[in-house]
Amino acid sequence: MTDSEVWDIIKVPFPYTNRPVQQRRPALVVGQHAATGIPALLWVLMITSADHRRWPGDLEISDLDMAGLPAASIIRTAKIATIEAVNAERIGSLPRPDRPAVRRRIVDMLSGVL
């Protein structure tokens, strides 16, 4: 594991919601939590191929080289998970121009529940 920071793109075992399987896939770190006596945790958003059917809130990644991704990809903001940081492998970083849209989407989602 490398130390992961907000805006890093990592590979993690991401859980499926419709079956009891995990697959190593890219994800965007949007939060961290560390406290004495518990594992370090990361809040991550799923990243998937841009070829998939679009969902509301999906955001395109503008610079694949910087992100460490091999093909056109989107951030699926509707799919968020908490994972142990020990399982994360850093592969890149979200380009700065893409970050405000992700931040706005998260704030919009949370404002509906808080």
PDB file of N, CA and C in Angstrom:
ATOM      1  N   MET A   1       0.838  -1.187   0.000  1.00  0.00           N
ATOM      2  CA  MET A   1       0.000   0.000   0.000  1.00  0.00           C
ATOM      3  C   MET A   1       0.878   1.242   0.000  1.00  0.00           C
ATOM      4  N   THR A   2       0.474   2.234  -0.714  1.00  0.00           N
ATOM      5  CA  THR A   2       1.107   3.540  -0.633  1.00  0.00           C
ATOM      6  C   THR A   2       0.161   4.453   0.134  1.00  0.00           C
ATOM      7  N   ASP A   3       0.673   5.547   0.640  1.00  0.00           N
ATOM      8  CA  ASP A   3      -0.199   6.500   1.316  1.00  0.00           C
ATOM      9  C   ASP A   3      -1.073   7.174   0.263  1.00  0.00           C
ATOM     10  N   SER A   4      -2.365   7.116   0.484  1.00  0.00           N
ATOM     11  CA  SER A   4      -3.306   7.703  -0.469  1.00  0.00           C
ATOM     12  C   SER A   4      -3.823   9.025   0.063  1.00  0.00           C
ATOM     13  N   GLU A   5      -4.041   9.954  -0.856  1.00  0.00           N
ATOM     14  CA  GLU A   5      -4.560  11.270  -0.498  1.00  0.00           C
ATOM     15  C   GLU A   5      -5.811  11.548  -1.319  1.00  0.00           C
ATOM     16  N   VAL A   6      -6.602  12.505  -0.851  1.00  0.00           N
ATOM     17  CA  VAL A   6      -7.772  12.936  -1.610  1.00  0.00           C
ATOM     18  C   VAL A   6      -7.313  13.347  -3.004  1.00  0.00           C
ATOM     19  N   TRP A   7      -8.049  12.947  -3.997  1.00  0.00           N
ATOM     20  CA  TRP A   7      -7.848  13.151  -5.434  1.00  0.00           C
ATOM     21  C   TRP A   7      -6.936  12.114  -6.069  1.00  0.00           C
ATOM     22  N   ASP A   8      -6.363  11.203  -5.272  1.00  0.00           N
ATOM     23  CA  ASP A   8      -5.602  10.105  -5.870  1.00  0.00           C
ATOM     24  C   ASP A   8      -6.560   9.138  -6.552  1.00  0.00           C
ATOM     25  N   ILE A   9      -6.088   8.540  -7.623  1.00  0.00           N
ATOM     26  CA  ILE A   9      -6.807   7.432  -8.243  1.00  0.00           C
ATOM     27  C   ILE A   9      -6.040   6.176  -7.870  1.00  0.00           C
ATOM     28  N   ILE A  10      -6.780   5.214  -7.347  1.00  0.00           N
ATOM     29  CA  ILE A  10      -6.191   4.002  -6.803  1.00  0.00           C
ATOM     30  C   ILE A  10      -6.874   2.783  -7.420  1.00  0.00           C
ATOM     31  N   LYS A  11      -6.253   1.630  -7.248  1.00  0.00           N
ATOM     32  CA  LYS A  11      -6.903   0.359  -7.568  1.00  0.00           C
ATOM     33  C   LYS A  11      -7.218  -0.318  -6.250  1.00  0.00           C
ATOM     34  N   VAL A  12      -8.458  -0.789  -6.132  1.00  0.00           N
ATOM     35  CA  VAL A  12      -8.928  -1.418  -4.894  1.00  0.00           C
ATOM     36  C   VAL A  12      -9.899  -2.541  -5.220  1.00  0.00           C
ATOM     37  N   PRO A  13     -10.088  -3.447  -4.258  1.00  0.00           N
ATOM     38  CA  PRO A  13     -11.167  -4.424  -4.433  1.00  0.00           C
ATOM     39  C   PRO A  13     -12.499  -3.729  -4.156  1.00  0.00           C
ATOM     40  N   PHE A  14     -13.235  -3.399  -5.213  1.00  0.00           N
ATOM     41  CA  PHE A  14     -14.471  -2.629  -5.096  1.00  0.00           C
ATOM     42  C   PHE A  14     -15.644  -3.601  -5.069  1.00  0.00           C
ATOM     43  N   PRO A  15     -16.517  -3.482  -4.076  1.00  0.00           N
ATOM     44  CA  PRO A  15     -17.650  -4.431  -3.995  1.00  0.00           C
ATOM     45  C   PRO A  15     -18.732  -4.116  -5.024  1.00  0.00           C
ATOM     46  N   TYR A  16     -19.347  -5.174  -5.505  1.00  0.00           N
ATOM     47  CA  TYR A  16     -20.540  -5.019  -6.338  1.00  0.00           C
ATOM     48  C   TYR A  16     -21.752  -4.914  -5.417  1.00  0.00           C
ATOM     49  N   THR A  17     -22.757  -4.174  -5.830  1.00  0.00           N
ATOM     50  CA  THR A  17     -23.958  -4.045  -5.012  1.00  0.00           C
ATOM     51  C   THR A  17     -24.969  -5.142  -5.311  1.00  0.00           C
ATOM     52  N   ASN A  18     -24.859  -5.776  -6.466  1.00  0.00           N
ATOM     53  CA  ASN A  18     -25.863  -6.757  -6.852  1.00  0.00           C
ATOM     54  C   ASN A  18     -25.384  -8.211  -6.785  1.00  0.00           C
ATOM     55  N   ARG A  19     -24.171  -8.447  -6.299  1.00  0.00           N
ATOM     56  CA  ARG A  19     -23.676  -9.814  -6.131  1.00  0.00           C
ATOM     57  C   ARG A  19     -22.508  -9.828  -5.147  1.00  0.00           C
ATOM     58  N   PRO A  20     -22.298 -10.970  -4.511  1.00  0.00           N
ATOM     59  CA  PRO A  20     -21.263 -11.042  -3.459  1.00  0.00           C
ATOM     60  C   PRO A  20     -19.851 -11.250  -4.021  1.00  0.00           C
ATOM     61  N   VAL A  21     -19.417 -10.325  -4.880  1.00  0.00           N
ATOM     62  CA  VAL A  21     -18.123 -10.439  -5.551  1.00  0.00           C
ATOM     63  C   VAL A  21     -17.395  -9.115  -5.438  1.00  0.00           C
ATOM     64  N   GLN A  22     -16.069  -9.196  -5.421  1.00  0.00           N
ATOM     65  CA  GLN A  22     -15.258  -7.984  -5.481  1.00  0.00           C
ATOM     66  C   GLN A  22     -14.321  -8.101  -6.665  1.00  0.00           C
ATOM     67  N   GLN A  23     -14.017  -6.962  -7.285  1.00  0.00           N
ATOM     68  CA  GLN A  23     -13.097  -6.919  -8.414  1.00  0.00           C
ATOM     69  C   GLN A  23     -12.157  -5.744  -8.211  1.00  0.00           C
ATOM     70  N   ARG A  24     -10.855  -5.938  -8.503  1.00  0.00           N
ATOM     71  CA  ARG A  24      -9.916  -4.809  -8.407  1.00  0.00           C
ATOM     72  C   ARG A  24     -10.193  -3.859  -9.548  1.00  0.00           C
ATOM     73  N   ARG A  25     -10.487  -2.623  -9.171  1.00  0.00           N
ATOM     74  CA  ARG A  25     -10.849  -1.630 -10.174  1.00  0.00           C
ATOM     75  C   ARG A  25     -10.411  -0.256  -9.708  1.00  0.00           C
ATOM     76  N   PRO A  26     -10.351   0.690 -10.612  1.00  0.00           N
ATOM     77  CA  PRO A  26      -9.943   2.034 -10.210  1.00  0.00           C
ATOM     78  C   PRO A  26     -11.041   2.733  -9.421  1.00  0.00           C
ATOM     79  N   ALA A  27     -10.605   3.622  -8.539  1.00  0.00           N
ATOM     80  CA  ALA A  27     -11.522   4.424  -7.725  1.00  0.00           C
ATOM     81  C   ALA A  27     -10.842   5.745  -7.394  1.00  0.00           C
ATOM     82  N   LEU A  28     -11.663   6.743  -7.101  1.00  0.00           N
ATOM     83  CA  LEU A  28     -11.170   8.070  -6.743  1.00  0.00           C
ATOM     84  C   LEU A  28     -11.301   8.271  -5.246  1.00  0.00           C
ATOM     85  N   VAL A  29     -10.211   8.633  -4.591  1.00  0.00           N
ATOM     86  CA  VAL A  29     -10.243   8.912  -3.155  1.00  0.00           C
ATOM     87  C   VAL A  29     -10.861  10.294  -2.942  1.00  0.00           C
ATOM     88  N   VAL A  30     -11.943  10.337  -2.148  1.00  0.00           N
ATOM     89  CA  VAL A  30     -12.599  11.612  -1.843  1.00  0.00           C
ATOM     90  C   VAL A  30     -12.598  11.913  -0.342  1.00  0.00           C
ATOM     91  N   GLY A  31     -12.089  11.012   0.472  1.00  0.00           N
ATOM     92  CA  GLY A  31     -12.017  11.260   1.908  1.00  0.00           C
ATOM     93  C   GLY A  31     -11.146  10.221   2.585  1.00  0.00           C
ATOM     94  N   GLN A  32     -10.673  10.584   3.775  1.00  0.00           N
ATOM     95  CA  GLN A  32      -9.825   9.694   4.567  1.00  0.00           C
ATOM     96  C   GLN A  32     -10.292   9.735   6.006  1.00  0.00           C
ATOM     97  N   HIS A  33     -10.052   8.639   6.715  1.00  0.00           N
ATOM     98  CA  HIS A  33     -10.335   8.615   8.145  1.00  0.00           C
ATOM     99  C   HIS A  33      -9.300   7.723   8.808  1.00  0.00           C
ATOM    100  N   ALA A  34      -8.606   8.270   9.758  1.00  0.00           N
ATOM    101  CA  ALA A  34      -7.623   7.499  10.510  1.00  0.00           C
ATOM    102  C   ALA A  34      -7.748   7.865  11.977  1.00  0.00           C
ATOM    103  N   ALA A  35      -7.725   6.861  12.822  1.00  0.00           N
ATOM    104  CA  ALA A  35      -7.773   7.067  14.265  1.00  0.00           C
ATOM    105  C   ALA A  35      -7.006   5.932  14.924  1.00  0.00           C
ATOM    106  N   THR A  36      -6.494   6.186  16.085  1.00  0.00           N
ATOM    107  CA  THR A  36      -5.739   5.187  16.817  1.00  0.00           C
ATOM    108  C   THR A  36      -6.609   3.968  17.098  1.00  0.00           C
ATOM    109  N   GLY A  37      -6.062   2.800  16.835  1.00  0.00           N
ATOM    110  CA  GLY A  37      -6.743   1.562  17.164  1.00  0.00           C
ATOM    111  C   GLY A  37      -7.667   1.011  16.094  1.00  0.00           C
ATOM    112  N   ILE A  38      -7.839   1.723  14.986  1.00  0.00           N
ATOM    113  CA  ILE A  38      -8.662   1.197  13.894  1.00  0.00           C
ATOM    114  C   ILE A  38      -7.877   1.320  12.584  1.00  0.00           C
ATOM    115  N   PRO A  39      -8.260   0.521  11.585  1.00  0.00           N
ATOM    116  CA  PRO A  39      -7.562   0.635  10.301  1.00  0.00           C
ATOM    117  C   PRO A  39      -7.829   1.994   9.646  1.00  0.00           C
ATOM    118  N   ALA A  40      -6.858   2.484   8.895  1.00  0.00           N
ATOM    119  CA  ALA A  40      -7.065   3.707   8.112  1.00  0.00           C
ATOM    120  C   ALA A  40      -8.073   3.396   7.016  1.00  0.00           C
ATOM    121  N   LEU A  41      -9.041   4.299   6.855  1.00  0.00           N
ATOM    122  CA  LEU A  41     -10.119   4.097   5.883  1.00  0.00           C
ATOM    123  C   LEU A  41     -10.078   5.165   4.802  1.00  0.00           C
ATOM    124  N   LEU A  42     -10.536   4.787   3.606  1.00  0.00           N
ATOM    125  CA  LEU A  42     -10.667   5.711   2.491  1.00  0.00           C
ATOM    126  C   LEU A  42     -12.102   5.661   1.987  1.00  0.00           C
ATOM    127  N   TRP A  43     -12.662   6.837   1.681  1.00  0.00           N
ATOM    128  CA  TRP A  43     -13.943   6.922   1.004  1.00  0.00           C
ATOM    129  C   TRP A  43     -13.627   7.095  -0.468  1.00  0.00           C
ATOM    130  N   VAL A  44     -14.172   6.233  -1.299  1.00  0.00           N
ATOM    131  CA  VAL A  44     -13.830   6.231  -2.716  1.00  0.00           C
ATOM    132  C   VAL A  44     -15.073   6.207  -3.600  1.00  0.00           C
ATOM    133  N   LEU A  45     -14.934   6.813  -4.770  1.00  0.00           N
ATOM    134  CA  LEU A  45     -15.964   6.771  -5.801  1.00  0.00           C
ATOM    135  C   LEU A  45     -15.498   5.821  -6.901  1.00  0.00           C
ATOM    136  N   MET A  46     -16.420   5.041  -7.406  1.00  0.00           N
ATOM    137  CA  MET A  46     -16.116   4.083  -8.464  1.00  0.00           C
ATOM    138  C   MET A  46     -15.744   4.802  -9.757  1.00  0.00           C
ATOM    139  N   ILE A  47     -14.773   4.246 -10.463  1.00  0.00           N
ATOM    140  CA  ILE A  47     -14.422   4.694 -11.815  1.00  0.00           C
ATOM    141  C   ILE A  47     -14.705   3.524 -12.744  1.00  0.00           C
ATOM    142  N   THR A  48     -15.357   3.812 -13.864  1.00  0.00           N
ATOM    143  CA  THR A  48     -15.712   2.763 -14.816  1.00  0.00           C
ATOM    144  C   THR A  48     -15.475   3.240 -16.239  1.00  0.00           C
ATOM    145  N   SER A  49     -15.568   2.332 -17.165  1.00  0.00           N
ATOM    146  CA  SER A  49     -15.363   2.655 -18.575  1.00  0.00           C
ATOM    147  C   SER A  49     -16.416   3.639 -19.068  1.00  0.00           C
ATOM    148  N   ALA A  50     -15.996   4.563 -19.904  1.00  0.00           N
ATOM    149  CA  ALA A  50     -16.919   5.544 -20.482  1.00  0.00           C
ATOM    150  C   ALA A  50     -17.867   4.881 -21.469  1.00  0.00           C
ATOM    151  N   ASP A  51     -17.607   3.624 -21.831  1.00  0.00           N
ATOM    152  CA  ASP A  51     -18.487   2.896 -22.749  1.00  0.00           C
ATOM    153  C   ASP A  51     -19.783   2.449 -22.082  1.00  0.00           C
ATOM    154  N   HIS A  52     -19.809   2.417 -20.753  1.00  0.00           N
ATOM    155  CA  HIS A  52     -21.015   1.981 -20.052  1.00  0.00           C
ATOM    156  C   HIS A  52     -22.142   3.003 -20.183  1.00  0.00           C
ATOM    157  N   ARG A  53     -23.371   2.508 -20.023  1.00  0.00           N
ATOM    158  CA  ARG A  53     -24.537   3.397 -20.025  1.00  0.00           C
ATOM    159  C   ARG A  53     -24.356   4.438 -18.929  1.00  0.00           C
ATOM    160  N   ARG A  54     -24.626   5.682 -19.253  1.00  0.00           N
ATOM    161  CA  ARG A  54     -24.420   6.786 -18.302  1.00  0.00           C
ATOM    162  C   ARG A  54     -25.495   6.810 -17.233  1.00  0.00           C
ATOM    163  N   TRP A  55     -25.070   7.202 -16.036  1.00  0.00           N
ATOM    164  CA  TRP A  55     -25.956   7.429 -14.901  1.00  0.00           C
ATOM    165  C   TRP A  55     -25.941   8.915 -14.598  1.00  0.00           C
ATOM    166  N   PRO A  56     -27.008   9.420 -13.966  1.00  0.00           N
ATOM    167  CA  PRO A  56     -26.963  10.818 -13.504  1.00  0.00           C
ATOM    168  C   PRO A  56     -25.779  11.008 -12.550  1.00  0.00           C
ATOM    169  N   GLY A  57     -25.041  12.084 -12.748  1.00  0.00           N
ATOM    170  CA  GLY A  57     -23.898  12.374 -11.882  1.00  0.00           C
ATOM    171  C   GLY A  57     -22.579  11.823 -12.364  1.00  0.00           C
ATOM    172  N   ASP A  58     -22.558  11.015 -13.427  1.00  0.00           N
ATOM    173  CA  ASP A  58     -21.293  10.517 -13.973  1.00  0.00           C
ATOM    174  C   ASP A  58     -20.472  11.692 -14.497  1.00  0.00           C
ATOM    175  N   LEU A  59     -19.161  11.651 -14.273  1.00  0.00           N
ATOM    176  CA  LEU A  59     -18.265  12.726 -14.699  1.00  0.00           C
ATOM    177  C   LEU A  59     -17.088  12.144 -15.476  1.00  0.00           C
ATOM    178  N   GLU A  60     -16.780  12.726 -16.621  1.00  0.00           N
ATOM    179  CA  GLU A  60     -15.658  12.253 -17.433  1.00  0.00           C
ATOM    180  C   GLU A  60     -14.325  12.685 -16.840  1.00  0.00           C
ATOM    181  N   ILE A  61     -13.322  11.852 -17.021  1.00  0.00           N
ATOM    182  CA  ILE A  61     -11.958  12.176 -16.602  1.00  0.00           C
ATOM    183  C   ILE A  61     -11.225  12.716 -17.827  1.00  0.00           C
ATOM    184  N   SER A  62     -10.680  13.923 -17.705  1.00  0.00           N
ATOM    185  CA  SER A  62     -10.141  14.633 -18.870  1.00  0.00           C
ATOM    186  C   SER A  62      -8.738  14.207 -19.295  1.00  0.00           C
ATOM    187  N   ASP A  63      -7.896  13.770 -18.365  1.00  0.00           N
ATOM    188  CA  ASP A  63      -6.506  13.438 -18.691  1.00  0.00           C
ATOM    189  C   ASP A  63      -6.210  12.025 -18.185  1.00  0.00           C
ATOM    190  N   LEU A  64      -6.295  11.064 -19.103  1.00  0.00           N
ATOM    191  CA  LEU A  64      -6.129   9.660 -18.718  1.00  0.00           C
ATOM    192  C   LEU A  64      -4.708   9.332 -18.290  1.00  0.00           C
ATOM    193  N   ASP A  65      -3.715   9.969 -18.892  1.00  0.00           N
ATOM    194  CA  ASP A  65      -2.326   9.715 -18.503  1.00  0.00           C
ATOM    195  C   ASP A  65      -2.089  10.120 -17.049  1.00  0.00           C
ATOM    196  N   MET A  66      -2.540  11.313 -16.681  1.00  0.00           N
ATOM    197  CA  MET A  66      -2.380  11.787 -15.302  1.00  0.00           C
ATOM    198  C   MET A  66      -3.136  10.879 -14.321  1.00  0.00           C
ATOM    199  N   ALA A  67      -4.297  10.388 -14.764  1.00  0.00           N
ATOM    200  CA  ALA A  67      -5.124   9.541 -13.919  1.00  0.00           C
ATOM    201  C   ALA A  67      -4.584   8.113 -13.824  1.00  0.00           C
ATOM    202  N   GLY A  68      -3.696   7.736 -14.734  1.00  0.00           N
ATOM    203  CA  GLY A  68      -3.156   6.372 -14.725  1.00  0.00           C
ATOM    204  C   GLY A  68      -4.130   5.351 -15.284  1.00  0.00           C
ATOM    205  N   LEU A  69      -5.005   5.804 -16.175  1.00  0.00           N
ATOM    206  CA  LEU A  69      -6.041   4.935 -16.728  1.00  0.00           C
ATOM    207  C   LEU A  69      -5.772   4.645 -18.199  1.00  0.00           C
ATOM    208  N   PRO A  70      -6.032   3.407 -18.643  1.00  0.00           N
ATOM    209  CA  PRO A  70      -5.711   3.027 -20.025  1.00  0.00           C
ATOM    210  C   PRO A  70      -6.758   3.399 -21.069  1.00  0.00           C
ATOM    211  N   ALA A  71      -7.982   3.719 -20.636  1.00  0.00           N
ATOM    212  CA  ALA A  71      -9.058   3.978 -21.590  1.00  0.00           C
ATOM    213  C   ALA A  71      -9.992   5.051 -21.047  1.00  0.00           C
ATOM    214  N   ALA A  72     -10.783   5.645 -21.936  1.00  0.00           N
ATOM    215  CA  ALA A  72     -11.750   6.666 -21.536  1.00  0.00           C
ATOM    216  C   ALA A  72     -12.580   6.155 -20.356  1.00  0.00           C
ATOM    217  N   SER A  73     -12.660   6.981 -19.302  1.00  0.00           N
ATOM    218  CA  SER A  73     -13.288   6.552 -18.057  1.00  0.00           C
ATOM    219  C   SER A  73     -14.139   7.662 -17.461  1.00  0.00           C
ATOM    220  N   ILE A  74     -15.087   7.242 -16.607  1.00  0.00           N
ATOM    221  CA  ILE A  74     -15.942   8.179 -15.897  1.00  0.00           C
ATOM    222  C   ILE A  74     -15.924   7.875 -14.411  1.00  0.00           C
ATOM    223  N   ILE A  75     -16.150   8.914 -13.624  1.00  0.00           N
ATOM    224  CA  ILE A  75     -16.326   8.749 -12.188  1.00  0.00           C
ATOM    225  C   ILE A  75     -17.817   8.558 -11.964  1.00  0.00           C
ATOM    226  N   ARG A  76     -18.184   7.448 -11.369  1.00  0.00           N
ATOM    227  CA  ARG A  76     -19.593   7.155 -11.084  1.00  0.00           C
ATOM    228  C   ARG A  76     -19.867   7.623  -9.663  1.00  0.00           C
ATOM    229  N   THR A  77     -20.294   8.889  -9.539  1.00  0.00           N
ATOM    230  CA  THR A  77     -20.454   9.503  -8.216  1.00  0.00           C
ATOM    231  C   THR A  77     -21.551   8.849  -7.386  1.00  0.00           C
ATOM    232  N   ALA A  78     -22.450   8.106  -8.016  1.00  0.00           N
ATOM    233  CA  ALA A  78     -23.513   7.427  -7.271  1.00  0.00           C
ATOM    234  C   ALA A  78     -23.000   6.203  -6.512  1.00  0.00           C
ATOM    235  N   LYS A  79     -21.809   5.717  -6.853  1.00  0.00           N
ATOM    236  CA  LYS A  79     -21.273   4.528  -6.201  1.00  0.00           C
ATOM    237  C   LYS A  79     -20.081   4.912  -5.330  1.00  0.00           C
ATOM    238  N   ILE A  80     -20.339   5.009  -4.048  1.00  0.00           N
ATOM    239  CA  ILE A  80     -19.305   5.357  -3.071  1.00  0.00           C
ATOM    240  C   ILE A  80     -19.126   4.183  -2.123  1.00  0.00           C
ATOM    241  N   ALA A  81     -17.896   3.967  -1.687  1.00  0.00           N
ATOM    242  CA  ALA A  81     -17.602   2.864  -0.767  1.00  0.00           C
ATOM    243  C   ALA A  81     -16.540   3.310   0.231  1.00  0.00           C
ATOM    244  N   THR A  82     -16.477   2.596   1.329  1.00  0.00           N
ATOM    245  CA  THR A  82     -15.416   2.780   2.315  1.00  0.00           C
ATOM    246  C   THR A  82     -14.546   1.538   2.268  1.00  0.00           C
ATOM    247  N   ILE A  83     -13.247   1.748   2.088  1.00  0.00           N
ATOM    248  CA  ILE A  83     -12.316   0.613   2.018  1.00  0.00           C
ATOM    249  C   ILE A  83     -11.159   0.858   2.980  1.00  0.00           C
ATOM    250  N   GLU A  84     -10.488  -0.213   3.360  1.00  0.00           N
ATOM    251  CA  GLU A  84      -9.289  -0.061   4.181  1.00  0.00           C
ATOM    252  C   GLU A  84      -8.141   0.406   3.295  1.00  0.00           C
ATOM    253  N   ALA A  85      -7.427   1.393   3.757  1.00  0.00           N
ATOM    254  CA  ALA A  85      -6.340   1.990   2.977  1.00  0.00           C
ATOM    255  C   ALA A  85      -5.265   0.971   2.623  1.00  0.00           C
ATOM    256  N   VAL A  86      -5.101  -0.041   3.437  1.00  0.00           N
ATOM    257  CA  VAL A  86      -4.076  -1.051   3.179  1.00  0.00           C
ATOM    258  C   VAL A  86      -4.315  -1.748   1.835  1.00  0.00           C
ATOM    259  N   ASN A  87      -5.552  -1.741   1.343  1.00  0.00           N
ATOM    260  CA  ASN A  87      -5.879  -2.402   0.079  1.00  0.00           C
ATOM    261  C   ASN A  87      -5.674  -1.515  -1.147  1.00  0.00           C
ATOM    262  N   ALA A  88      -5.264  -0.262  -0.950  1.00  0.00           N
ATOM    263  CA  ALA A  88      -5.165   0.702  -2.052  1.00  0.00           C
ATOM    264  C   ALA A  88      -3.794   0.679  -2.711  1.00  0.00           C
ATOM    265  N   GLU A  89      -3.810   0.773  -4.029  1.00  0.00           N
ATOM    266  CA  GLU A  89      -2.584   0.901  -4.819  1.00  0.00           C
ATOM    267  C   GLU A  89      -2.739   2.144  -5.693  1.00  0.00           C
ATOM    268  N   ARG A  90      -1.933   3.176  -5.443  1.00  0.00           N
ATOM    269  CA  ARG A  90      -2.048   4.428  -6.198  1.00  0.00           C
ATOM    270  C   ARG A  90      -1.614   4.220  -7.637  1.00  0.00           C
ATOM    271  N   ILE A  91      -2.444   4.717  -8.584  1.00  0.00           N
ATOM    272  CA  ILE A  91      -2.089   4.608 -10.000  1.00  0.00           C
ATOM    273  C   ILE A  91      -2.027   5.964 -10.686  1.00  0.00           C
ATOM    274  N   GLY A  92      -2.569   7.017 -10.060  1.00  0.00           N
ATOM    275  CA  GLY A  92      -2.550   8.333 -10.675  1.00  0.00           C
ATOM    276  C   GLY A  92      -3.266   9.352  -9.817  1.00  0.00           C
ATOM    277  N   SER A  93      -3.635  10.461 -10.440  1.00  0.00           N
ATOM    278  CA  SER A  93      -4.286  11.559  -9.739  1.00  0.00           C
ATOM    279  C   SER A  93      -5.343  12.178 -10.644  1.00  0.00           C
ATOM    280  N   LEU A  94      -6.452  12.622 -10.045  1.00  0.00           N
ATOM    281  CA  LEU A  94      -7.495  13.280 -10.837  1.00  0.00           C
ATOM    282  C   LEU A  94      -6.979  14.650 -11.273  1.00  0.00           C
ATOM    283  N   PRO A  95      -7.084  14.960 -12.550  1.00  0.00           N
ATOM    284  CA  PRO A  95      -6.630  16.274 -13.031  1.00  0.00           C
ATOM    285  C   PRO A  95      -7.338  17.412 -12.291  1.00  0.00           C
ATOM    286  N   ARG A  96      -6.597  18.464 -11.985  1.00  0.00           N
ATOM    287  CA  ARG A  96      -7.157  19.614 -11.251  1.00  0.00           C
ATOM    288  C   ARG A  96      -8.428  20.185 -11.872  1.00  0.00           C
ATOM    289  N   PRO A  97      -8.507  20.308 -13.201  1.00  0.00           N
ATOM    290  CA  PRO A  97      -9.735  20.880 -13.784  1.00  0.00           C
ATOM    291  C   PRO A  97     -10.988  20.029 -13.533  1.00  0.00           C
ATOM    292  N   ASP A  98     -10.827  18.738 -13.252  1.00  0.00           N
ATOM    293  CA  ASP A  98     -11.965  17.845 -13.020  1.00  0.00           C
ATOM    294  C   ASP A  98     -12.471  17.891 -11.577  1.00  0.00           C
ATOM    295  N   ARG A  99     -11.672  18.390 -10.672  1.00  0.00           N
ATOM    296  CA  ARG A  99     -11.984  18.311  -9.241  1.00  0.00           C
ATOM    297  C   ARG A  99     -13.192  19.137  -8.803  1.00  0.00           C
ATOM    298  N   PRO A 100     -13.386  20.381  -9.285  1.00  0.00           N
ATOM    299  CA  PRO A 100     -14.554  21.143  -8.824  1.00  0.00           C
ATOM    300  C   PRO A 100     -15.889  20.454  -9.111  1.00  0.00           C
ATOM    301  N   ALA A 101     -16.012  19.798 -10.260  1.00  0.00           N
ATOM    302  CA  ALA A 101     -17.270  19.116 -10.590  1.00  0.00           C
ATOM    303  C   ALA A 101     -17.527  17.952  -9.639  1.00  0.00           C
ATOM    304  N   VAL A 102     -16.475  17.227  -9.273  1.00  0.00           N
ATOM    305  CA  VAL A 102     -16.630  16.124  -8.317  1.00  0.00           C
ATOM    306  C   VAL A 102     -17.051  16.687  -6.960  1.00  0.00           C
ATOM    307  N   ARG A 103     -16.374  17.742  -6.522  1.00  0.00           N
ATOM    308  CA  ARG A 103     -16.704  18.367  -5.229  1.00  0.00           C
ATOM    309  C   ARG A 103     -18.162  18.827  -5.211  1.00  0.00           C
ATOM    310  N   ARG A 104     -18.596  19.505  -6.274  1.00  0.00           N
ATOM    311  CA  ARG A 104     -19.991  19.974  -6.349  1.00  0.00           C
ATOM    312  C   ARG A 104     -20.973  18.812  -6.301  1.00  0.00           C
ATOM    313  N   ARG A 105     -20.668  17.737  -7.011  1.00  0.00           N
ATOM    314  CA  ARG A 105     -21.567  16.578  -7.048  1.00  0.00           C
ATOM    315  C   ARG A 105     -21.700  15.957  -5.657  1.00  0.00           C
ATOM    316  N   ILE A 106     -20.598  15.836  -4.933  1.00  0.00           N
ATOM    317  CA  ILE A 106     -20.646  15.265  -3.580  1.00  0.00           C
ATOM    318  C   ILE A 106     -21.460  16.166  -2.657  1.00  0.00           C
ATOM    319  N   VAL A 107     -21.219  17.464  -2.727  1.00  0.00           N
ATOM    320  CA  VAL A 107     -21.975  18.409  -1.891  1.00  0.00           C
ATOM    321  C   VAL A 107     -23.462  18.325  -2.218  1.00  0.00           C
ATOM    322  N   ASP A 108     -23.800  18.268  -3.506  1.00  0.00           N
ATOM    323  CA  ASP A 108     -25.197  18.166  -3.907  1.00  0.00           C
ATOM    324  C   ASP A 108     -25.840  16.892  -3.362  1.00  0.00           C
ATOM    325  N   MET A 109     -25.123  15.776  -3.448  1.00  0.00           N
ATOM    326  CA  MET A 109     -25.663  14.503  -2.953  1.00  0.00           C
ATOM    327  C   MET A 109     -25.880  14.546  -1.450  1.00  0.00           C
ATOM    328  N   LEU A 110     -24.913  15.098  -0.722  1.00  0.00           N
ATOM    329  CA  LEU A 110     -25.010  15.135   0.735  1.00  0.00           C
ATOM    330  C   LEU A 110     -26.039  16.148   1.227  1.00  0.00           C
ATOM    331  N   SER A 111     -26.249  17.221   0.482  1.00  0.00           N
ATOM    332  CA  SER A 111     -27.216  18.219   0.930  1.00  0.00           C
ATOM    333  C   SER A 111     -28.627  17.654   0.935  1.00  0.00           C
ATOM    334  N   GLY A 112     -28.872  16.614   0.160  1.00  0.00           N
ATOM    335  CA  GLY A 112     -30.182  15.986   0.150  1.00  0.00           C
ATOM    336  C   GLY A 112     -30.438  15.062   1.322  1.00  0.00           C
ATOM    337  N   VAL A 113     -29.364  14.693   2.060  1.00  0.00           N
ATOM    338  CA  VAL A 113     -29.542  13.771   3.191  1.00  0.00           C
ATOM    339  C   VAL A 113     -29.215  14.388   4.528  1.00  0.00           C
ATOM    340  N   LEU A 114     -28.553  15.510   4.533  1.00  0.00           N
ATOM    341  CA  LEU A 114     -28.162  16.108   5.822  1.00  0.00           C
ATOM    342  C   LEU A 114     -29.080  17.230   6.224  1.00  0.00           C
TER     343      LEU A 114
END
